[in-house]
Amino acid sequence: MLPLIAHNLLESLELMERTVNIFIDRCVSGITANSEQCKKPLEQSFSTLTALTPHIGYEAATEVARMALLESLSVRQAVLKLGLMDEEKLDKVLRPYELTKPGIAGQ
C-alpha cells in the first residue's frame, strides 16, 4: 500500500501547487495596500493613549479620550486641539514602528 499512498500524496501536492499558482495569478498579484485606509483604525484607537501617557500624563490622556469620544475626533486631532504636544513630536510618538517597540514610544 505504500506505493499507492506515495502516488496519491504526490498527485495531491501537484494539484495543490497548480491551485496556488492560479490563486496567485488571478487573485493576489497586483494587490496593493491602501496606506491611508490602514492608518484610520490606528488613528481612531484609544489604545494609542497608552503611548501618549508618559508624555502628557494620565489626566491629560483621559481628557483627550473624553474629547475624542464626545466630539468624534481622532486621538491625534484631540491632542492637537488641546495643545498638549506639537505635531512633530506627536508624529514621532504615534509612528506605528514606535508603538511596537518595547519601552516608551518616541524616546
PDB file of N, CA and C in Angstrom:
ATOM      1  N   MET A   1       0.816  -1.202   0.000  1.00  0.00           N
ATOM      2  CA  MET A   1       0.000   0.000   0.000  1.00  0.00           C
ATOM      3  C   MET A   1       0.857   1.262   0.000  1.00  0.00           C
ATOM      4  N   LEU A   2       2.104   1.150   0.414  1.00  0.00           N
ATOM      5  CA  LEU A   2       2.970   2.323   0.493  1.00  0.00           C
ATOM      6  C   LEU A   2       3.159   3.002  -0.866  1.00  0.00           C
ATOM      7  N   PRO A   3       3.369   2.268  -1.971  1.00  0.00           N
ATOM      8  CA  PRO A   3       3.485   2.940  -3.272  1.00  0.00           C
ATOM      9  C   PRO A   3       2.212   3.700  -3.657  1.00  0.00           C
ATOM     10  N   LEU A   4       1.060   3.157  -3.339  1.00  0.00           N
ATOM     11  CA  LEU A   4      -0.204   3.830  -3.639  1.00  0.00           C
ATOM     12  C   LEU A   4      -0.341   5.110  -2.823  1.00  0.00           C
ATOM     13  N   ILE A   5       0.017   5.052  -1.551  1.00  0.00           N
ATOM     14  CA  ILE A   5      -0.031   6.244  -0.691  1.00  0.00           C
ATOM     15  C   ILE A   5       0.908   7.314  -1.227  1.00  0.00           C
ATOM     16  N   ALA A   6       2.123   6.939  -1.615  1.00  0.00           N
ATOM     17  CA  ALA A   6       3.100   7.897  -2.136  1.00  0.00           C
ATOM     18  C   ALA A   6       2.588   8.516  -3.434  1.00  0.00           C
ATOM     19  N   HIS A   7       2.011   7.695  -4.309  1.00  0.00           N
ATOM     20  CA  HIS A   7       1.478   8.205  -5.575  1.00  0.00           C
ATOM     21  C   HIS A   7       0.380   9.237  -5.322  1.00  0.00           C
ATOM     22  N   ASN A   8      -0.561   8.913  -4.453  1.00  0.00           N
ATOM     23  CA  ASN A   8      -1.669   9.829  -4.152  1.00  0.00           C
ATOM     24  C   ASN A   8      -1.169  11.101  -3.467  1.00  0.00           C
ATOM     25  N   LEU A   9      -0.175  10.984  -2.609  1.00  0.00           N
ATOM     26  CA  LEU A   9       0.388  12.149  -1.948  1.00  0.00           C
ATOM     27  C   LEU A   9       1.030  13.084  -2.970  1.00  0.00           C
ATOM     28  N   LEU A  10       1.834  12.535  -3.878  1.00  0.00           N
ATOM     29  CA  LEU A  10       2.476  13.360  -4.906  1.00  0.00           C
ATOM     30  C   LEU A  10       1.444  13.992  -5.836  1.00  0.00           C
ATOM     31  N   GLU A  11       0.419  13.251  -6.179  1.00  0.00           N
ATOM     32  CA  GLU A  11      -0.648  13.792  -7.023  1.00  0.00           C
ATOM     33  C   GLU A  11      -1.368  14.945  -6.324  1.00  0.00           C
ATOM     34  N   SER A  12      -1.621  14.803  -5.049  1.00  0.00           N
ATOM     35  CA  SER A  12      -2.269  15.863  -4.275  1.00  0.00           C
ATOM     36  C   SER A  12      -1.386  17.101  -4.182  1.00  0.00           C
ATOM     37  N   LEU A  13      -0.087  16.898  -4.008  1.00  0.00           N
ATOM     38  CA  LEU A  13       0.840  18.034  -3.942  1.00  0.00           C
ATOM     39  C   LEU A  13       0.899  18.781  -5.269  1.00  0.00           C
ATOM     40  N   GLU A  14       0.884  18.067  -6.386  1.00  0.00           N
ATOM     41  CA  GLU A  14       0.879  18.715  -7.689  1.00  0.00           C
ATOM     42  C   GLU A  14      -0.408  19.516  -7.895  1.00  0.00           C
ATOM     43  N   LEU A  15      -1.530  18.955  -7.481  1.00  0.00           N
ATOM     44  CA  LEU A  15      -2.812  19.652  -7.587  1.00  0.00           C
ATOM     45  C   LEU A  15      -2.805  20.921  -6.736  1.00  0.00           C
ATOM     46  N   MET A  16      -2.266  20.816  -5.525  1.00  0.00           N
ATOM     47  CA  MET A  16      -2.192  21.972  -4.637  1.00  0.00           C
ATOM     48  C   MET A  16      -1.284  23.053  -5.233  1.00  0.00           C
ATOM     49  N   GLU A  17      -0.166  22.645  -5.840  1.00  0.00           N
ATOM     50  CA  GLU A  17       0.748  23.612  -6.451  1.00  0.00           C
ATOM     51  C   GLU A  17       0.064  24.371  -7.585  1.00  0.00           C
ATOM     52  N   ARG A  18      -0.661  23.642  -8.436  1.00  0.00           N
ATOM     53  CA  ARG A  18      -1.372  24.307  -9.536  1.00  0.00           C
ATOM     54  C   ARG A  18      -2.435  25.261  -8.996  1.00  0.00           C
ATOM     55  N   THR A  19      -3.142  24.843  -7.955  1.00  0.00           N
ATOM     56  CA  THR A  19      -4.174  25.688  -7.355  1.00  0.00           C
ATOM     57  C   THR A  19      -3.575  26.964  -6.783  1.00  0.00           C
ATOM     58  N   VAL A  20      -2.471  26.852  -6.093  1.00  0.00           N
ATOM     59  CA  VAL A  20      -1.821  28.025  -5.508  1.00  0.00           C
ATOM     60  C   VAL A  20      -1.344  28.974  -6.607  1.00  0.00           C
ATOM     61  N   ASN A  21      -0.783  28.439  -7.677  1.00  0.00           N
ATOM     62  CA  ASN A  21      -0.320  29.286  -8.776  1.00  0.00           C
ATOM     63  C   ASN A  21      -1.475  30.030  -9.441  1.00  0.00           C
ATOM     64  N   ILE A  22      -2.604  29.358  -9.635  1.00  0.00           N
ATOM     65  CA  ILE A  22      -3.781  30.015 -10.208  1.00  0.00           C
ATOM     66  C   ILE A  22      -4.292  31.089  -9.258  1.00  0.00           C
ATOM     67  N   PHE A  23      -4.323  30.796  -7.965  1.00  0.00           N
ATOM     68  CA  PHE A  23      -4.759  31.767  -6.968  1.00  0.00           C
ATOM     69  C   PHE A  23      -3.870  33.011  -6.998  1.00  0.00           C
ATOM     70  N   ILE A  24      -2.564  32.809  -7.091  1.00  0.00           N
ATOM     71  CA  ILE A  24      -1.627  33.935  -7.150  1.00  0.00           C
ATOM     72  C   ILE A  24      -1.879  34.764  -8.407  1.00  0.00           C
ATOM     73  N   ASP A  25      -1.991  34.108  -9.547  1.00  0.00           N
ATOM     74  CA  ASP A  25      -2.181  34.816 -10.815  1.00  0.00           C
ATOM     75  C   ASP A  25      -3.488  35.582 -10.876  1.00  0.00           C
ATOM     76  N   ARG A  26      -4.571  34.981 -10.412  1.00  0.00           N
ATOM     77  CA  ARG A  26      -5.898  35.576 -10.590  1.00  0.00           C
ATOM     78  C   ARG A  26      -6.384  36.407  -9.413  1.00  0.00           C
ATOM     79  N   CYS A  27      -5.789  36.249  -8.243  1.00  0.00           N
ATOM     80  CA  CYS A  27      -6.305  36.945  -7.066  1.00  0.00           C
ATOM     81  C   CYS A  27      -5.283  37.840  -6.361  1.00  0.00           C
ATOM     82  N   VAL A  28      -4.082  37.372  -6.190  1.00  0.00           N
ATOM     83  CA  VAL A  28      -3.141  38.046  -5.309  1.00  0.00           C
ATOM     84  C   VAL A  28      -2.244  39.051  -6.032  1.00  0.00           C
ATOM     85  N   SER A  29      -1.762  38.694  -7.214  1.00  0.00           N
ATOM     86  CA  SER A  29      -0.809  39.581  -7.885  1.00  0.00           C
ATOM     87  C   SER A  29      -1.494  40.897  -8.250  1.00  0.00           C
ATOM     88  N   GLY A  30      -0.805  41.981  -7.981  1.00  0.00           N
ATOM     89  CA  GLY A  30      -1.329  43.311  -8.271  1.00  0.00           C
ATOM     90  C   GLY A  30      -2.034  43.974  -7.109  1.00  0.00           C
ATOM     91  N   ILE A  31      -2.249  43.259  -6.024  1.00  0.00           N
ATOM     92  CA  ILE A  31      -2.907  43.858  -4.866  1.00  0.00           C
ATOM     93  C   ILE A  31      -1.919  44.758  -4.137  1.00  0.00           C
ATOM     94  N   THR A  32      -2.350  45.965  -3.809  1.00  0.00           N
ATOM     95  CA  THR A  32      -1.528  46.880  -3.014  1.00  0.00           C
ATOM     96  C   THR A  32      -2.360  47.372  -1.832  1.00  0.00           C
ATOM     97  N   ALA A  33      -1.687  47.685  -0.774  1.00  0.00           N
ATOM     98  CA  ALA A  33      -2.370  48.172   0.429  1.00  0.00           C
ATOM     99  C   ALA A  33      -2.663  49.659   0.294  1.00  0.00           C
ATOM    100  N   ASN A  34      -3.824  50.074   0.748  1.00  0.00           N
ATOM    101  CA  ASN A  34      -4.186  51.484   0.801  1.00  0.00           C
ATOM    102  C   ASN A  34      -3.720  51.994   2.155  1.00  0.00           C
ATOM    103  N   SER A  35      -2.567  52.664   2.164  1.00  0.00           N
ATOM    104  CA  SER A  35      -1.950  53.049   3.433  1.00  0.00           C
ATOM    105  C   SER A  35      -2.814  54.031   4.223  1.00  0.00           C
ATOM    106  N   GLU A  36      -3.527  54.908   3.542  1.00  0.00           N
ATOM    107  CA  GLU A  36      -4.402  55.855   4.253  1.00  0.00           C
ATOM    108  C   GLU A  36      -5.529  55.114   4.962  1.00  0.00           C
ATOM    109  N   GLN A  37      -6.094  54.113   4.295  1.00  0.00           N
ATOM    110  CA  GLN A  37      -7.169  53.328   4.900  1.00  0.00           C
ATOM    111  C   GLN A  37      -6.638  52.496   6.071  1.00  0.00           C
ATOM    112  N   CYS A  38      -5.392  52.051   5.975  1.00  0.00           N
ATOM    113  CA  CYS A  38      -4.791  51.264   7.049  1.00  0.00           C
ATOM    114  C   CYS A  38      -4.505  52.121   8.283  1.00  0.00           C
ATOM    115  N   LYS A  39      -4.244  53.405   8.092  1.00  0.00           N
ATOM    116  CA  LYS A  39      -3.938  54.305   9.211  1.00  0.00           C
ATOM    117  C   LYS A  39      -5.176  54.661  10.027  1.00  0.00           C
ATOM    118  N   LYS A  40      -6.344  54.665   9.394  1.00  0.00           N
ATOM    119  CA  LYS A  40      -7.558  55.113  10.075  1.00  0.00           C
ATOM    120  C   LYS A  40      -7.842  54.379  11.392  1.00  0.00           C
ATOM    121  N   PRO A  41      -7.827  53.027  11.422  1.00  0.00           N
ATOM    122  CA  PRO A  41      -8.105  52.363  12.701  1.00  0.00           C
ATOM    123  C   PRO A  41      -7.075  52.718  13.785  1.00  0.00           C
ATOM    124  N   LEU A  42      -5.824  52.902  13.384  1.00  0.00           N
ATOM    125  CA  LEU A  42      -4.799  53.289  14.349  1.00  0.00           C
ATOM    126  C   LEU A  42      -5.076  54.681  14.896  1.00  0.00           C
ATOM    127  N   GLU A  43      -5.452  55.599  14.020  1.00  0.00           N
ATOM    128  CA  GLU A  43      -5.728  56.978  14.436  1.00  0.00           C
ATOM    129  C   GLU A  43      -6.952  57.037  15.357  1.00  0.00           C
ATOM    130  N   GLN A  44      -7.939  56.177  15.137  1.00  0.00           N
ATOM    131  CA  GLN A  44      -9.172  56.202  15.920  1.00  0.00           C
ATOM    132  C   GLN A  44      -9.065  55.419  17.235  1.00  0.00           C
ATOM    133  N   SER A  45      -8.025  54.608  17.364  1.00  0.00           N
ATOM    134  CA  SER A  45      -7.913  53.724  18.514  1.00  0.00           C
ATOM    135  C   SER A  45      -7.483  54.472  19.773  1.00  0.00           C
ATOM    136  N   PHE A  46      -8.189  54.224  20.861  1.00  0.00           N
ATOM    137  CA  PHE A  46      -7.820  54.827  22.141  1.00  0.00           C
ATOM    138  C   PHE A  46      -6.611  54.141  22.763  1.00  0.00           C
ATOM    139  N   SER A  47      -6.216  53.008  22.208  1.00  0.00           N
ATOM    140  CA  SER A  47      -5.036  52.330  22.743  1.00  0.00           C
ATOM    141  C   SER A  47      -3.765  53.141  22.519  1.00  0.00           C
ATOM    142  N   THR A  48      -3.788  54.060  21.553  1.00  0.00           N
ATOM    143  CA  THR A  48      -2.617  54.922  21.342  1.00  0.00           C
ATOM    144  C   THR A  48      -2.403  55.875  22.516  1.00  0.00           C
ATOM    145  N   LEU A  49      -3.429  56.059  23.319  1.00  0.00           N
ATOM    146  CA  LEU A  49      -3.274  56.907  24.509  1.00  0.00           C
ATOM    147  C   LEU A  49      -2.271  56.315  25.488  1.00  0.00           C
ATOM    148  N   THR A  50      -2.119  55.007  25.468  1.00  0.00           N
ATOM    149  CA  THR A  50      -1.133  54.357  26.326  1.00  0.00           C
ATOM    150  C   THR A  50       0.265  54.856  25.994  1.00  0.00           C
ATOM    151  N   ALA A  51       0.539  55.055  24.715  1.00  0.00           N
ATOM    152  CA  ALA A  51       1.848  55.563  24.299  1.00  0.00           C
ATOM    153  C   ALA A  51       2.005  57.039  24.622  1.00  0.00           C
ATOM    154  N   LEU A  52       0.903  57.764  24.673  1.00  0.00           N
ATOM    155  CA  LEU A  52       0.969  59.205  24.950  1.00  0.00           C
ATOM    156  C   LEU A  52       1.049  59.515  26.439  1.00  0.00           C
ATOM    157  N   THR A  53       0.579  58.625  27.277  1.00  0.00           N
ATOM    158  CA  THR A  53       0.513  58.885  28.718  1.00  0.00           C
ATOM    159  C   THR A  53       1.848  59.290  29.337  1.00  0.00           C
ATOM    160  N   PRO A  54       2.986  58.654  29.016  1.00  0.00           N
ATOM    161  CA  PRO A  54       4.245  59.105  29.604  1.00  0.00           C
ATOM    162  C   PRO A  54       4.636  60.529  29.190  1.00  0.00           C
ATOM    163  N   HIS A  55       4.115  60.998  28.072  1.00  0.00           N
ATOM    164  CA  HIS A  55       4.479  62.316  27.564  1.00  0.00           C
ATOM    165  C   HIS A  55       3.543  63.418  28.050  1.00  0.00           C
ATOM    166  N   ILE A  56       2.242  63.090  28.182  1.00  0.00           N
ATOM    167  CA  ILE A  56       1.281  64.136  28.545  1.00  0.00           C
ATOM    168  C   ILE A  56       0.654  63.928  29.919  1.00  0.00           C
ATOM    169  N   GLY A  57       0.841  62.769  30.512  1.00  0.00           N
ATOM    170  CA  GLY A  57       0.277  62.487  31.825  1.00  0.00           C
ATOM    171  C   GLY A  57      -1.077  61.804  31.729  1.00  0.00           C
ATOM    172  N   TYR A  58      -1.440  61.138  32.818  1.00  0.00           N
ATOM    173  CA  TYR A  58      -2.666  60.355  32.844  1.00  0.00           C
ATOM    174  C   TYR A  58      -3.909  61.238  32.741  1.00  0.00           C
ATOM    175  N   GLU A  59      -3.927  62.341  33.488  1.00  0.00           N
ATOM    176  CA  GLU A  59      -5.112  63.207  33.474  1.00  0.00           C
ATOM    177  C   GLU A  59      -5.342  63.825  32.099  1.00  0.00           C
ATOM    178  N   ALA A  60      -4.277  64.264  31.453  1.00  0.00           N
ATOM    179  CA  ALA A  60      -4.420  64.824  30.113  1.00  0.00           C
ATOM    180  C   ALA A  60      -4.861  63.749  29.123  1.00  0.00           C
ATOM    181  N   ALA A  61      -4.377  62.526  29.292  1.00  0.00           N
ATOM    182  CA  ALA A  61      -4.778  61.428  28.404  1.00  0.00           C
ATOM    183  C   ALA A  61      -6.271  61.129  28.555  1.00  0.00           C
ATOM    184  N   THR A  62      -6.783  61.185  29.774  1.00  0.00           N
ATOM    185  CA  THR A  62      -8.221  60.962  29.962  1.00  0.00           C
ATOM    186  C   THR A  62      -9.026  62.108  29.356  1.00  0.00           C
ATOM    187  N   GLU A  63      -8.496  63.308  29.417  1.00  0.00           N
ATOM    188  CA  GLU A  63      -9.164  64.453  28.792  1.00  0.00           C
ATOM    189  C   GLU A  63      -9.183  64.294  27.267  1.00  0.00           C
ATOM    190  N   VAL A  64      -8.082  63.810  26.719  1.00  0.00           N
ATOM    191  CA  VAL A  64      -8.018  63.548  25.274  1.00  0.00           C
ATOM    192  C   VAL A  64      -9.056  62.496  24.894  1.00  0.00           C
ATOM    193  N   ALA A  65      -9.151  61.425  25.667  1.00  0.00           N
ATOM    194  CA  ALA A  65     -10.118  60.367  25.381  1.00  0.00           C
ATOM    195  C   ALA A  65     -11.542  60.903  25.447  1.00  0.00           C
ATOM    196  N   ARG A  66     -11.823  61.706  26.460  1.00  0.00           N
ATOM    197  CA  ARG A  66     -13.172  62.266  26.618  1.00  0.00           C
ATOM    198  C   ARG A  66     -13.514  63.170  25.435  1.00  0.00           C
ATOM    199  N   MET A  67     -12.591  64.063  25.085  1.00  0.00           N
ATOM    200  CA  MET A  67     -12.844  64.984  23.979  1.00  0.00           C
ATOM    201  C   MET A  67     -13.001  64.224  22.655  1.00  0.00           C
ATOM    202  N   ALA A  68     -12.139  63.253  22.430  1.00  0.00           N
ATOM    203  CA  ALA A  68     -12.204  62.479  21.185  1.00  0.00           C
ATOM    204  C   ALA A  68     -13.534  61.741  21.076  1.00  0.00           C
ATOM    205  N   LEU A  69     -13.995  61.202  22.181  1.00  0.00           N
ATOM    206  CA  LEU A  69     -15.254  60.465  22.180  1.00  0.00           C
ATOM    207  C   LEU A  69     -16.448  61.394  21.989  1.00  0.00           C
ATOM    208  N   LEU A  70     -16.472  62.505  22.713  1.00  0.00           N
ATOM    209  CA  LEU A  70     -17.615  63.419  22.653  1.00  0.00           C
ATOM    210  C   LEU A  70     -17.703  64.170  21.326  1.00  0.00           C
ATOM    211  N   GLU A  71     -16.557  64.526  20.757  1.00  0.00           N
ATOM    212  CA  GLU A  71     -16.554  65.333  19.537  1.00  0.00           C
ATOM    213  C   GLU A  71     -16.242  64.517  18.275  1.00  0.00           C
ATOM    214  N   SER A  72     -16.198  63.193  18.395  1.00  0.00           N
ATOM    215  CA  SER A  72     -15.902  62.295  17.270  1.00  0.00           C
ATOM    216  C   SER A  72     -14.606  62.680  16.558  1.00  0.00           C
ATOM    217  N   LEU A  73     -13.562  62.892  17.346  1.00  0.00           N
ATOM    218  CA  LEU A  73     -12.241  63.230  16.819  1.00  0.00           C
ATOM    219  C   LEU A  73     -11.324  62.027  16.938  1.00  0.00           C
ATOM    220  N   SER A  74     -10.258  62.036  16.175  1.00  0.00           N
ATOM    221  CA  SER A  74      -9.216  61.030  16.381  1.00  0.00           C
ATOM    222  C   SER A  74      -8.378  61.466  17.582  1.00  0.00           C
ATOM    223  N   VAL A  75      -7.600  60.547  18.108  1.00  0.00           N
ATOM    224  CA  VAL A  75      -6.729  60.869  19.238  1.00  0.00           C
ATOM    225  C   VAL A  75      -5.757  61.985  18.837  1.00  0.00           C
ATOM    226  N   ARG A  76      -5.213  61.890  17.626  1.00  0.00           N
ATOM    227  CA  ARG A  76      -4.283  62.908  17.118  1.00  0.00           C
ATOM    228  C   ARG A  76      -4.942  64.283  17.092  1.00  0.00           C
ATOM    229  N   GLN A  77      -6.159  64.351  16.546  1.00  0.00           N
ATOM    230  CA  GLN A  77      -6.862  65.626  16.460  1.00  0.00           C
ATOM    231  C   GLN A  77      -7.145  66.205  17.846  1.00  0.00           C
ATOM    232  N   ALA A  78      -7.528  65.350  18.788  1.00  0.00           N
ATOM    233  CA  ALA A  78      -7.826  65.825  20.136  1.00  0.00           C
ATOM    234  C   ALA A  78      -6.576  66.356  20.832  1.00  0.00           C
ATOM    235  N   VAL A  79      -5.454  65.665  20.671  1.00  0.00           N
ATOM    236  CA  VAL A  79      -4.202  66.127  21.294  1.00  0.00           C
ATOM    237  C   VAL A  79      -3.797  67.475  20.713  1.00  0.00           C
ATOM    238  N   LEU A  80      -3.899  67.618  19.409  1.00  0.00           N
ATOM    239  CA  LEU A  80      -3.534  68.887  18.779  1.00  0.00           C
ATOM    240  C   LEU A  80      -4.502  69.995  19.167  1.00  0.00           C
ATOM    241  N   LYS A  81      -5.782  69.685  19.261  1.00  0.00           N
ATOM    242  CA  LYS A  81      -6.787  70.685  19.632  1.00  0.00           C
ATOM    243  C   LYS A  81      -6.569  71.182  21.061  1.00  0.00           C
ATOM    244  N   LEU A  82      -6.175  70.276  21.944  1.00  0.00           N
ATOM    245  CA  LEU A  82      -5.899  70.676  23.329  1.00  0.00           C
ATOM    246  C   LEU A  82      -4.525  71.327  23.476  1.00  0.00           C
ATOM    247  N   GLY A  83      -3.693  71.235  22.467  1.00  0.00           N
ATOM    248  CA  GLY A  83      -2.365  71.850  22.510  1.00  0.00           C
ATOM    249  C   GLY A  83      -1.401  71.153  23.456  1.00  0.00           C
ATOM    250  N   LEU A  84      -1.550  69.843  23.609  1.00  0.00           N
ATOM    251  CA  LEU A  84      -0.713  69.103  24.558  1.00  0.00           C
ATOM    252  C   LEU A  84       0.655  68.753  23.983  1.00  0.00           C
ATOM    253  N   MET A  85       0.745  68.613  22.674  1.00  0.00           N
ATOM    254  CA  MET A  85       2.013  68.270  22.012  1.00  0.00           C
ATOM    255  C   MET A  85       2.041  68.971  20.668  1.00  0.00           C
ATOM    256  N   ASP A  86       3.260  69.250  20.186  1.00  0.00           N
ATOM    257  CA  ASP A  86       3.338  69.778  18.831  1.00  0.00           C
ATOM    258  C   ASP A  86       3.227  68.626  17.835  1.00  0.00           C
ATOM    259  N   GLU A  87       2.921  68.958  16.604  1.00  0.00           N
ATOM    260  CA  GLU A  87       2.637  67.930  15.596  1.00  0.00           C
ATOM    261  C   GLU A  87       3.843  67.044  15.302  1.00  0.00           C
ATOM    262  N   GLU A  88       5.029  67.615  15.319  1.00  0.00           N
ATOM    263  CA  GLU A  88       6.241  66.840  15.031  1.00  0.00           C
ATOM    264  C   GLU A  88       6.481  65.762  16.087  1.00  0.00           C
ATOM    265  N   LYS A  89       6.376  66.145  17.353  1.00  0.00           N
ATOM    266  CA  LYS A  89       6.577  65.171  18.441  1.00  0.00           C
ATOM    267  C   LYS A  89       5.462  64.123  18.428  1.00  0.00           C
ATOM    268  N   LEU A  90       4.245  64.560  18.170  1.00  0.00           N
ATOM    269  CA  LEU A  90       3.111  63.641  18.122  1.00  0.00           C
ATOM    270  C   LEU A  90       3.282  62.620  16.997  1.00  0.00           C
ATOM    271  N   ASP A  91       3.741  63.069  15.838  1.00  0.00           N
ATOM    272  CA  ASP A  91       4.013  62.142  14.736  1.00  0.00           C
ATOM    273  C   ASP A  91       5.046  61.106  15.135  1.00  0.00           C
ATOM    274  N   LYS A  92       6.067  61.545  15.872  1.00  0.00           N
ATOM    275  CA  LYS A  92       7.127  60.619  16.294  1.00  0.00           C
ATOM    276  C   LYS A  92       6.584  59.580  17.280  1.00  0.00           C
ATOM    277  N   VAL A  93       5.780  60.020  18.220  1.00  0.00           N
ATOM    278  CA  VAL A  93       5.248  59.104  19.238  1.00  0.00           C
ATOM    279  C   VAL A  93       4.244  58.128  18.637  1.00  0.00           C
ATOM    280  N   LEU A  94       3.420  58.588  17.709  1.00  0.00           N
ATOM    281  CA  LEU A  94       2.357  57.745  17.148  1.00  0.00           C
ATOM    282  C   LEU A  94       2.777  56.996  15.885  1.00  0.00           C
ATOM    283  N   ARG A  95       4.051  57.032  15.548  1.00  0.00           N
ATOM    284  CA  ARG A  95       4.546  56.249  14.414  1.00  0.00           C
ATOM    285  C   ARG A  95       4.350  54.770  14.734  1.00  0.00           C
ATOM    286  N   PRO A  96       3.734  53.990  13.819  1.00  0.00           N
ATOM    287  CA  PRO A  96       3.451  52.580  14.115  1.00  0.00           C
ATOM    288  C   PRO A  96       4.671  51.792  14.575  1.00  0.00           C
ATOM    289  N   TYR A  97       5.831  52.052  13.994  1.00  0.00           N
ATOM    290  CA  TYR A  97       7.035  51.327  14.417  1.00  0.00           C
ATOM    291  C   TYR A  97       7.371  51.642  15.872  1.00  0.00           C
ATOM    292  N   GLU A  98       7.229  52.887  16.266  1.00  0.00           N
ATOM    293  CA  GLU A  98       7.494  53.280  17.650  1.00  0.00           C
ATOM    294  C   GLU A  98       6.530  52.577  18.609  1.00  0.00           C
ATOM    295  N   LEU A  99       5.299  52.395  18.176  1.00  0.00           N
ATOM    296  CA  LEU A  99       4.294  51.777  19.042  1.00  0.00           C
ATOM    297  C   LEU A  99       4.539  50.288  19.251  1.00  0.00           C
ATOM    298  N   THR A 100       5.308  49.675  18.378  1.00  0.00           N
ATOM    299  CA  THR A 100       5.559  48.233  18.505  1.00  0.00           C
ATOM    300  C   THR A 100       6.864  47.908  19.209  1.00  0.00           C
ATOM    301  N   LYS A 101       7.705  48.912  19.421  1.00  0.00           N
ATOM    302  CA  LYS A 101       8.973  48.671  20.104  1.00  0.00           C
ATOM    303  C   LYS A 101       8.738  48.635  21.607  1.00  0.00           C
ATOM    304  N   PRO A 102       9.574  47.879  22.341  1.00  0.00           N
ATOM    305  CA  PRO A 102       9.469  47.920  23.805  1.00  0.00           C
ATOM    306  C   PRO A 102       9.924  49.275  24.326  1.00  0.00           C
ATOM    307  N   GLY A 103       9.413  49.656  25.450  1.00  0.00           N
ATOM    308  CA  GLY A 103       9.800  50.922  26.061  1.00  0.00           C
ATOM    309  C   GLY A 103       8.810  52.030  25.760  1.00  0.00           C
ATOM    310  N   ILE A 104       9.218  53.259  26.035  1.00  0.00           N
ATOM    311  CA  ILE A 104       8.350  54.427  25.827  1.00  0.00           C
ATOM    312  C   ILE A 104       8.486  54.890  24.386  1.00  0.00           C
ATOM    313  N   ALA A 105       7.354  55.002  23.702  1.00  0.00           N
ATOM    314  CA  ALA A 105       7.358  55.418  22.295  1.00  0.00           C
ATOM    315  C   ALA A 105       7.824  56.858  22.181  1.00  0.00           C
ATOM    316  N   GLY A 106       8.640  57.132  21.172  1.00  0.00           N
ATOM    317  CA  GLY A 106       9.088  58.488  20.898  1.00  0.00           C
ATOM    318  C   GLY A 106      10.330  58.918  21.609  1.00  0.00           C
ATOM    319  N   GLN A 107      10.988  58.020  22.328  1.00  0.00           N
ATOM    320  CA  GLN A 107      12.210  58.416  23.031  1.00  0.00           C
ATOM    321  C   GLN A 107      13.401  57.753  22.408  1.00  0.00           C
TER     322      GLN A 107
END
